[in-house]
Amino acid sequence: PVHTTSTTTSIVHHINTLGIPRNDILKTINKVLFNKLGFKPATEDYYKLENSLIDQVLDRRRGIPITLSALYQCIAHKLGVNLLPVLFPSHFLLKAEQNLISGDGEVFIDAYGRGQLLSQTDCLSLVPFLTAPQPHIFEAVEPHKAMIRMVAN
């Protein structure tokens, strides 16, 4: 826990020193996490235990959708941006109720996709096997439900 806190605090401090406007927060998190610090999706060894352990994700800078999302959500929260977990089928996303970039509607963040900002239509392209998606798949869930899914991984 101490390692996790110091690492996220360091990342947040770095982002804060950039003096960026609020509508650029998500883009800046993406640049710092994925470009500057080199966090990336665990593609070759997706099911390896280390990809589910947040301390290992911080050390190795690789993770699965849920662990990269947890890190992303923590950093955004420390920067004053509330992102909500979405238990999307076969994927884990974050949701901002208001698009900080355009100011309208919601936006989804795919931390496994290096912070790609998505619309509902974009999200559906992540799971082409969904033939008749239900609206509830885009709803945010309580944090304890996200934790249950994380433990189940």
N, C-alpha and C. Protein backbone atom coordinates (compact mmCIF):
# COMPACT_ATOMS: atom_id res chain seq x y z
N PRO A 1 0.81 -1.21 0.00
CA PRO A 1 0.00 0.00 0.00
C PRO A 1 0.86 1.28 0.00
N VAL A 2 1.95 1.30 0.78
CA VAL A 2 2.80 2.48 0.83
C VAL A 2 3.43 2.73 -0.54
N HIS A 3 3.90 1.65 -1.17
CA HIS A 3 4.51 1.75 -2.50
C HIS A 3 3.51 2.31 -3.51
N THR A 4 2.30 1.81 -3.45
CA THR A 4 1.25 2.26 -4.36
C THR A 4 0.96 3.74 -4.16
N THR A 5 0.84 4.15 -2.90
CA THR A 5 0.54 5.54 -2.59
C THR A 5 1.66 6.46 -3.04
N SER A 6 2.90 6.08 -2.77
CA SER A 6 4.01 6.96 -3.17
C SER A 6 4.13 7.04 -4.69
N THR A 7 3.87 5.95 -5.38
CA THR A 7 3.96 5.97 -6.84
C THR A 7 2.87 6.85 -7.44
N THR A 8 1.62 6.67 -7.00
CA THR A 8 0.53 7.48 -7.55
C THR A 8 0.70 8.95 -7.16
N THR A 9 1.18 9.21 -5.95
CA THR A 9 1.42 10.59 -5.52
C THR A 9 2.49 11.24 -6.40
N SER A 10 3.52 10.49 -6.74
CA SER A 10 4.58 11.00 -7.61
C SER A 10 4.04 11.32 -9.00
N ILE A 11 3.20 10.45 -9.54
CA ILE A 11 2.61 10.67 -10.86
C ILE A 11 1.72 11.92 -10.83
N VAL A 12 0.89 12.03 -9.79
CA VAL A 12 0.00 13.18 -9.65
C VAL A 12 0.81 14.47 -9.52
N HIS A 13 1.87 14.43 -8.74
CA HIS A 13 2.72 15.62 -8.57
C HIS A 13 3.29 16.05 -9.93
N HIS A 14 3.75 15.09 -10.69
CA HIS A 14 4.29 15.39 -12.02
C HIS A 14 3.23 16.07 -12.90
N ILE A 15 2.03 15.52 -12.91
CA ILE A 15 0.96 16.09 -13.73
C ILE A 15 0.60 17.49 -13.23
N ASN A 16 0.54 17.67 -11.92
CA ASN A 16 0.20 18.99 -11.37
C ASN A 16 1.22 20.06 -11.73
N THR A 17 2.48 19.67 -11.84
CA THR A 17 3.51 20.66 -12.18
C THR A 17 3.38 21.16 -13.61
N LEU A 18 2.61 20.45 -14.42
CA LEU A 18 2.44 20.85 -15.81
C LEU A 18 1.48 22.03 -15.97
N GLY A 19 0.66 22.29 -14.92
CA GLY A 19 -0.27 23.41 -14.96
C GLY A 19 -1.27 23.34 -16.09
N ILE A 20 -1.89 22.20 -16.28
CA ILE A 20 -2.80 22.02 -17.40
C ILE A 20 -4.24 22.40 -17.05
N PRO A 21 -5.01 22.87 -18.01
CA PRO A 21 -6.42 23.18 -17.75
C PRO A 21 -7.22 21.89 -17.54
N ARG A 22 -8.32 22.01 -16.81
CA ARG A 22 -9.14 20.84 -16.44
C ARG A 22 -9.58 20.02 -17.66
N ASN A 23 -9.90 20.67 -18.77
CA ASN A 23 -10.38 19.92 -19.92
C ASN A 23 -9.28 19.12 -20.61
N ASP A 24 -8.05 19.28 -20.20
CA ASP A 24 -6.94 18.50 -20.76
C ASP A 24 -6.42 17.43 -19.80
N ILE A 25 -7.09 17.25 -18.66
CA ILE A 25 -6.62 16.31 -17.64
C ILE A 25 -6.50 14.89 -18.20
N LEU A 26 -7.54 14.38 -18.85
CA LEU A 26 -7.50 13.00 -19.33
C LEU A 26 -6.40 12.80 -20.37
N LYS A 27 -6.28 13.74 -21.29
CA LYS A 27 -5.22 13.64 -22.29
C LYS A 27 -3.84 13.67 -21.63
N THR A 28 -3.71 14.47 -20.59
CA THR A 28 -2.42 14.57 -19.90
C THR A 28 -2.12 13.31 -19.11
N ILE A 29 -3.13 12.74 -18.45
CA ILE A 29 -2.92 11.46 -17.75
C ILE A 29 -2.43 10.44 -18.77
N ASN A 30 -3.05 10.40 -19.93
CA ASN A 30 -2.64 9.45 -20.98
C ASN A 30 -1.18 9.67 -21.39
N LYS A 31 -0.82 10.91 -21.63
CA LYS A 31 0.56 11.21 -22.04
C LYS A 31 1.56 10.79 -20.99
N VAL A 32 1.27 11.11 -19.73
CA VAL A 32 2.22 10.80 -18.66
C VAL A 32 2.27 9.29 -18.39
N LEU A 33 1.12 8.66 -18.21
CA LEU A 33 1.09 7.22 -17.89
C LEU A 33 1.62 6.35 -19.01
N PHE A 34 1.13 6.58 -20.20
CA PHE A 34 1.42 5.65 -21.29
C PHE A 34 2.61 6.05 -22.16
N ASN A 35 2.81 7.32 -22.36
CA ASN A 35 3.93 7.75 -23.20
C ASN A 35 5.20 7.97 -22.37
N LYS A 36 5.12 8.81 -21.36
CA LYS A 36 6.30 9.16 -20.58
C LYS A 36 6.74 8.01 -19.66
N LEU A 37 5.80 7.42 -18.91
CA LEU A 37 6.15 6.38 -17.94
C LEU A 37 6.12 4.96 -18.52
N GLY A 38 5.54 4.80 -19.68
CA GLY A 38 5.58 3.51 -20.36
C GLY A 38 4.63 2.43 -19.86
N PHE A 39 3.55 2.81 -19.18
CA PHE A 39 2.57 1.79 -18.80
C PHE A 39 1.93 1.26 -20.07
N LYS A 40 1.64 -0.04 -20.08
CA LYS A 40 1.08 -0.63 -21.29
C LYS A 40 0.26 -1.87 -20.94
N PRO A 41 -0.58 -2.28 -21.87
CA PRO A 41 -1.38 -3.49 -21.64
C PRO A 41 -0.51 -4.74 -21.66
N ALA A 42 -0.85 -5.69 -20.82
CA ALA A 42 -0.16 -6.98 -20.80
C ALA A 42 -0.80 -7.84 -21.88
N THR A 43 -0.18 -7.88 -23.02
CA THR A 43 -0.76 -8.62 -24.14
C THR A 43 -0.18 -10.02 -24.27
N GLU A 44 1.12 -10.18 -24.10
CA GLU A 44 1.73 -11.50 -24.27
C GLU A 44 1.44 -12.43 -23.09
N ASP A 45 1.33 -11.85 -21.90
CA ASP A 45 1.17 -12.67 -20.70
C ASP A 45 -0.06 -12.22 -19.90
N TYR A 46 -1.17 -12.03 -20.60
CA TYR A 46 -2.39 -11.46 -20.03
C TYR A 46 -2.81 -12.15 -18.73
N TYR A 47 -2.77 -13.47 -18.67
CA TYR A 47 -3.30 -14.22 -17.53
C TYR A 47 -2.28 -14.44 -16.42
N LYS A 48 -1.12 -13.87 -16.53
CA LYS A 48 -0.09 -13.99 -15.50
C LYS A 48 -0.56 -13.26 -14.24
N LEU A 49 -0.35 -13.88 -13.08
CA LEU A 49 -0.83 -13.34 -11.81
C LEU A 49 -0.36 -11.90 -11.58
N GLU A 50 0.86 -11.59 -11.94
CA GLU A 50 1.42 -10.26 -11.69
C GLU A 50 0.59 -9.14 -12.33
N ASN A 51 -0.13 -9.45 -13.37
CA ASN A 51 -0.95 -8.44 -14.05
C ASN A 51 -2.20 -8.07 -13.25
N SER A 52 -2.51 -8.86 -12.24
CA SER A 52 -3.67 -8.59 -11.38
C SER A 52 -3.28 -7.99 -10.05
N LEU A 53 -2.00 -7.89 -9.77
CA LEU A 53 -1.52 -7.35 -8.49
C LEU A 53 -1.02 -5.93 -8.70
N ILE A 54 -1.68 -4.98 -8.06
CA ILE A 54 -1.41 -3.57 -8.34
C ILE A 54 0.04 -3.19 -8.07
N ASP A 55 0.67 -3.75 -7.04
CA ASP A 55 2.07 -3.40 -6.79
C ASP A 55 2.97 -3.90 -7.92
N GLN A 56 2.64 -5.06 -8.48
CA GLN A 56 3.40 -5.59 -9.61
C GLN A 56 3.14 -4.79 -10.89
N VAL A 57 1.91 -4.33 -11.05
CA VAL A 57 1.58 -3.50 -12.21
C VAL A 57 2.39 -2.21 -12.15
N LEU A 58 2.53 -1.64 -10.97
CA LEU A 58 3.32 -0.41 -10.82
C LEU A 58 4.80 -0.67 -11.10
N ASP A 59 5.31 -1.79 -10.63
CA ASP A 59 6.72 -2.12 -10.86
C ASP A 59 7.01 -2.47 -12.32
N ARG A 60 6.15 -3.31 -12.91
CA ARG A 60 6.39 -3.81 -14.26
C ARG A 60 5.83 -2.90 -15.35
N ARG A 61 4.91 -2.01 -14.93
CA ARG A 61 4.26 -1.07 -15.85
C ARG A 61 3.46 -1.76 -16.94
N ARG A 62 2.89 -2.89 -16.57
CA ARG A 62 2.00 -3.66 -17.45
C ARG A 62 0.85 -4.17 -16.61
N GLY A 63 -0.33 -4.21 -17.23
CA GLY A 63 -1.48 -4.72 -16.50
C GLY A 63 -2.62 -5.10 -17.41
N ILE A 64 -3.66 -5.63 -16.79
CA ILE A 64 -4.88 -5.99 -17.49
C ILE A 64 -5.87 -4.82 -17.37
N PRO A 65 -6.98 -4.87 -18.07
CA PRO A 65 -7.89 -3.72 -18.06
C PRO A 65 -8.28 -3.24 -16.66
N ILE A 66 -8.57 -4.15 -15.75
CA ILE A 66 -9.06 -3.72 -14.45
C ILE A 66 -7.97 -3.09 -13.59
N THR A 67 -6.73 -3.59 -13.67
CA THR A 67 -5.68 -3.00 -12.86
C THR A 67 -5.20 -1.67 -13.44
N LEU A 68 -5.10 -1.57 -14.75
CA LEU A 68 -4.73 -0.29 -15.35
C LEU A 68 -5.83 0.75 -15.09
N SER A 69 -7.08 0.30 -15.09
CA SER A 69 -8.19 1.21 -14.79
C SER A 69 -8.15 1.68 -13.34
N ALA A 70 -7.83 0.78 -12.43
CA ALA A 70 -7.73 1.16 -11.01
C ALA A 70 -6.66 2.23 -10.82
N LEU A 71 -5.52 2.05 -11.45
CA LEU A 71 -4.44 3.04 -11.38
C LEU A 71 -4.90 4.36 -11.99
N TYR A 72 -5.49 4.30 -13.16
CA TYR A 72 -5.97 5.50 -13.86
C TYR A 72 -7.00 6.25 -13.01
N GLN A 73 -7.94 5.49 -12.43
CA GLN A 73 -8.99 6.10 -11.62
C GLN A 73 -8.41 6.77 -10.37
N CYS A 74 -7.44 6.14 -9.76
CA CYS A 74 -6.79 6.70 -8.58
C CYS A 74 -6.10 8.02 -8.91
N ILE A 75 -5.37 8.06 -9.99
CA ILE A 75 -4.67 9.28 -10.40
C ILE A 75 -5.68 10.38 -10.74
N ALA A 76 -6.71 10.04 -11.50
CA ALA A 76 -7.73 11.03 -11.85
C ALA A 76 -8.40 11.59 -10.60
N HIS A 77 -8.70 10.71 -9.65
CA HIS A 77 -9.34 11.15 -8.40
C HIS A 77 -8.46 12.15 -7.65
N LYS A 78 -7.17 11.85 -7.58
CA LYS A 78 -6.24 12.76 -6.89
C LYS A 78 -6.10 14.09 -7.61
N LEU A 79 -6.46 14.11 -8.89
CA LEU A 79 -6.43 15.35 -9.67
C LEU A 79 -7.80 16.04 -9.70
N GLY A 80 -8.75 15.50 -8.94
CA GLY A 80 -10.07 16.11 -8.83
C GLY A 80 -11.07 15.71 -9.90
N VAL A 81 -10.78 14.61 -10.60
CA VAL A 81 -11.69 14.13 -11.65
C VAL A 81 -12.30 12.80 -11.19
N ASN A 82 -13.61 12.77 -11.12
CA ASN A 82 -14.31 11.56 -10.67
C ASN A 82 -14.62 10.66 -11.86
N LEU A 83 -13.99 9.49 -11.88
CA LEU A 83 -14.26 8.49 -12.91
C LEU A 83 -14.93 7.30 -12.25
N LEU A 84 -15.90 6.74 -12.92
CA LEU A 84 -16.69 5.65 -12.36
C LEU A 84 -16.39 4.34 -13.08
N PRO A 85 -16.37 3.22 -12.33
CA PRO A 85 -16.11 1.93 -12.96
C PRO A 85 -17.32 1.43 -13.75
N VAL A 86 -17.03 0.81 -14.89
CA VAL A 86 -18.07 0.22 -15.74
C VAL A 86 -17.65 -1.23 -16.01
N LEU A 87 -18.51 -2.16 -15.61
CA LEU A 87 -18.23 -3.59 -15.80
C LEU A 87 -18.70 -4.00 -17.20
N PHE A 88 -18.02 -3.52 -18.17
CA PHE A 88 -18.37 -3.80 -19.56
C PHE A 88 -18.08 -5.27 -19.85
N PRO A 89 -18.86 -5.92 -20.71
CA PRO A 89 -18.61 -7.34 -21.00
C PRO A 89 -17.20 -7.59 -21.56
N SER A 90 -16.50 -8.52 -20.96
CA SER A 90 -15.16 -8.92 -21.39
C SER A 90 -14.13 -7.80 -21.38
N HIS A 91 -14.43 -6.72 -20.70
CA HIS A 91 -13.53 -5.58 -20.64
C HIS A 91 -13.90 -4.76 -19.42
N PHE A 92 -13.02 -3.90 -18.99
CA PHE A 92 -13.31 -3.01 -17.87
C PHE A 92 -13.01 -1.60 -18.32
N LEU A 93 -13.97 -0.71 -18.12
CA LEU A 93 -13.83 0.67 -18.57
C LEU A 93 -14.06 1.63 -17.41
N LEU A 94 -13.71 2.86 -17.63
CA LEU A 94 -14.05 3.94 -16.71
C LEU A 94 -14.96 4.90 -17.46
N LYS A 95 -15.74 5.65 -16.68
CA LYS A 95 -16.70 6.56 -17.29
C LYS A 95 -16.64 7.91 -16.60
N ALA A 96 -16.58 8.96 -17.40
CA ALA A 96 -16.72 10.33 -16.90
C ALA A 96 -18.13 10.76 -17.29
N GLU A 97 -18.91 11.18 -16.32
CA GLU A 97 -20.30 11.56 -16.60
C GLU A 97 -20.38 12.72 -17.58
N GLN A 98 -19.38 13.59 -17.52
CA GLN A 98 -19.34 14.70 -18.48
C GLN A 98 -18.01 14.65 -19.20
N ASN A 99 -18.05 14.74 -20.49
CA ASN A 99 -16.85 14.73 -21.30
C ASN A 99 -16.06 16.00 -20.99
N LEU A 100 -14.90 15.84 -20.35
CA LEU A 100 -14.10 17.00 -19.96
C LEU A 100 -13.49 17.71 -21.15
N ILE A 101 -13.43 17.03 -22.27
CA ILE A 101 -12.80 17.63 -23.45
C ILE A 101 -13.80 18.49 -24.21
N SER A 102 -14.96 17.91 -24.54
CA SER A 102 -15.94 18.67 -25.32
C SER A 102 -17.01 19.32 -24.45
N GLY A 103 -17.14 18.86 -23.19
CA GLY A 103 -18.12 19.43 -22.28
C GLY A 103 -19.51 18.86 -22.41
N ASP A 104 -19.71 17.92 -23.32
CA ASP A 104 -21.04 17.36 -23.49
C ASP A 104 -21.03 15.86 -23.28
N GLY A 105 -22.12 15.33 -22.76
CA GLY A 105 -22.31 13.89 -22.63
C GLY A 105 -21.21 13.17 -21.87
N GLU A 106 -21.33 11.87 -21.85
CA GLU A 106 -20.38 11.03 -21.15
C GLU A 106 -19.26 10.58 -22.07
N VAL A 107 -18.18 10.18 -21.46
CA VAL A 107 -17.07 9.61 -22.22
C VAL A 107 -16.55 8.41 -21.42
N PHE A 108 -16.15 7.39 -22.14
CA PHE A 108 -15.59 6.19 -21.54
C PHE A 108 -14.09 6.18 -21.77
N ILE A 109 -13.36 5.66 -20.80
CA ILE A 109 -11.91 5.59 -20.90
C ILE A 109 -11.50 4.12 -20.87
N ASP A 110 -10.74 3.73 -21.86
CA ASP A 110 -10.20 2.37 -21.95
C ASP A 110 -8.73 2.42 -21.54
N ALA A 111 -8.46 2.20 -20.26
CA ALA A 111 -7.09 2.26 -19.76
C ALA A 111 -6.23 1.18 -20.41
N TYR A 112 -6.82 0.04 -20.72
CA TYR A 112 -6.08 -1.03 -21.40
C TYR A 112 -5.72 -0.61 -22.83
N GLY A 113 -6.52 0.26 -23.39
CA GLY A 113 -6.27 0.80 -24.72
C GLY A 113 -5.47 2.10 -24.65
N ARG A 114 -4.61 2.21 -23.65
CA ARG A 114 -3.72 3.36 -23.45
C ARG A 114 -4.51 4.66 -23.26
N GLY A 115 -5.65 4.54 -22.54
CA GLY A 115 -6.43 5.72 -22.20
C GLY A 115 -7.31 6.26 -23.30
N GLN A 116 -7.58 5.43 -24.29
CA GLN A 116 -8.42 5.87 -25.41
C GLN A 116 -9.77 6.34 -24.89
N LEU A 117 -10.22 7.49 -25.38
CA LEU A 117 -11.52 8.06 -25.01
C LEU A 117 -12.56 7.57 -26.01
N LEU A 118 -13.65 7.00 -25.48
CA LEU A 118 -14.61 6.30 -26.32
C LEU A 118 -16.04 6.79 -26.11
N SER A 119 -16.83 6.71 -27.17
CA SER A 119 -18.28 6.89 -27.08
C SER A 119 -18.90 5.51 -26.84
N GLN A 120 -20.21 5.45 -26.65
CA GLN A 120 -20.87 4.15 -26.51
C GLN A 120 -20.65 3.30 -27.77
N THR A 121 -20.76 3.91 -28.92
CA THR A 121 -20.56 3.18 -30.17
C THR A 121 -19.14 2.62 -30.25
N ASP A 122 -18.15 3.42 -29.85
CA ASP A 122 -16.76 2.96 -29.84
C ASP A 122 -16.60 1.76 -28.91
N CYS A 123 -17.26 1.83 -27.75
CA CYS A 123 -17.17 0.73 -26.77
C CYS A 123 -17.67 -0.58 -27.37
N LEU A 124 -18.73 -0.51 -28.14
CA LEU A 124 -19.29 -1.72 -28.74
C LEU A 124 -18.30 -2.40 -29.69
N SER A 125 -17.42 -1.63 -30.29
CA SER A 125 -16.44 -2.24 -31.18
C SER A 125 -15.41 -3.07 -30.42
N LEU A 126 -15.32 -2.89 -29.10
CA LEU A 126 -14.40 -3.69 -28.28
C LEU A 126 -14.88 -5.13 -28.12
N VAL A 127 -16.18 -5.33 -28.27
CA VAL A 127 -16.77 -6.65 -28.09
C VAL A 127 -17.71 -6.97 -29.24
N PRO A 128 -17.16 -7.34 -30.38
CA PRO A 128 -17.98 -7.56 -31.57
C PRO A 128 -18.98 -8.71 -31.43
N PHE A 129 -18.80 -9.57 -30.44
CA PHE A 129 -19.73 -10.69 -30.26
C PHE A 129 -21.06 -10.26 -29.67
N LEU A 130 -21.18 -9.02 -29.19
CA LEU A 130 -22.45 -8.54 -28.65
C LEU A 130 -23.40 -8.20 -29.80
N THR A 131 -24.41 -9.00 -29.96
CA THR A 131 -25.33 -8.75 -31.07
C THR A 131 -26.49 -7.84 -30.68
N ALA A 132 -26.91 -7.90 -29.43
CA ALA A 132 -28.00 -7.05 -28.96
C ALA A 132 -27.64 -6.49 -27.58
N PRO A 133 -26.75 -5.51 -27.53
CA PRO A 133 -26.30 -4.98 -26.24
C PRO A 133 -27.43 -4.30 -25.48
N GLN A 134 -27.43 -4.52 -24.19
CA GLN A 134 -28.42 -3.91 -23.31
C GLN A 134 -27.86 -2.59 -22.78
N PRO A 135 -28.71 -1.60 -22.56
CA PRO A 135 -28.22 -0.29 -22.09
C PRO A 135 -27.46 -0.35 -20.76
N HIS A 136 -27.78 -1.33 -19.91
CA HIS A 136 -27.14 -1.38 -18.58
C HIS A 136 -25.63 -1.64 -18.66
N ILE A 137 -25.13 -2.13 -19.79
CA ILE A 137 -23.69 -2.40 -19.88
C ILE A 137 -22.86 -1.11 -19.86
N PHE A 138 -23.51 0.03 -20.05
CA PHE A 138 -22.81 1.32 -20.03
C PHE A 138 -22.93 2.03 -18.69
N GLU A 139 -23.65 1.41 -17.75
CA GLU A 139 -23.88 2.06 -16.46
C GLU A 139 -22.69 1.87 -15.53
N ALA A 140 -22.41 2.90 -14.77
CA ALA A 140 -21.36 2.82 -13.75
C ALA A 140 -21.87 1.95 -12.60
N VAL A 141 -20.94 1.32 -11.92
CA VAL A 141 -21.30 0.47 -10.78
C VAL A 141 -20.65 1.01 -9.51
N GLU A 142 -21.15 0.54 -8.38
CA GLU A 142 -20.56 0.90 -7.10
C GLU A 142 -19.15 0.33 -7.03
N PRO A 143 -18.24 1.03 -6.35
CA PRO A 143 -16.85 0.55 -6.25
C PRO A 143 -16.71 -0.88 -5.71
N HIS A 144 -17.58 -1.28 -4.78
CA HIS A 144 -17.45 -2.64 -4.23
C HIS A 144 -17.72 -3.71 -5.30
N LYS A 145 -18.57 -3.40 -6.28
CA LYS A 145 -18.81 -4.36 -7.37
C LYS A 145 -17.59 -4.48 -8.27
N ALA A 146 -16.89 -3.37 -8.46
CA ALA A 146 -15.64 -3.41 -9.24
C ALA A 146 -14.59 -4.24 -8.49
N MET A 147 -14.55 -4.09 -7.17
CA MET A 147 -13.60 -4.87 -6.37
C MET A 147 -13.91 -6.37 -6.44
N ILE A 148 -15.18 -6.72 -6.42
CA ILE A 148 -15.58 -8.12 -6.53
C ILE A 148 -15.08 -8.69 -7.87
N ARG A 149 -15.25 -7.93 -8.93
CA ARG A 149 -14.77 -8.39 -10.25
C ARG A 149 -13.25 -8.50 -10.25
N MET A 150 -12.57 -7.58 -9.58
CA MET A 150 -11.11 -7.62 -9.55
C MET A 150 -10.64 -8.88 -8.81
N VAL A 151 -11.26 -9.20 -7.71
CA VAL A 151 -10.90 -10.40 -6.95
C VAL A 151 -11.21 -11.67 -7.75
N ALA A 152 -12.30 -11.64 -8.51
CA ALA A 152 -12.68 -12.79 -9.32
C ALA A 152 -11.69 -13.06 -10.46
N ASN A 153 -10.97 -12.00 -10.87
CA ASN A 153 -9.98 -12.17 -11.94
C ASN A 153 -8.87 -13.05 -11.41
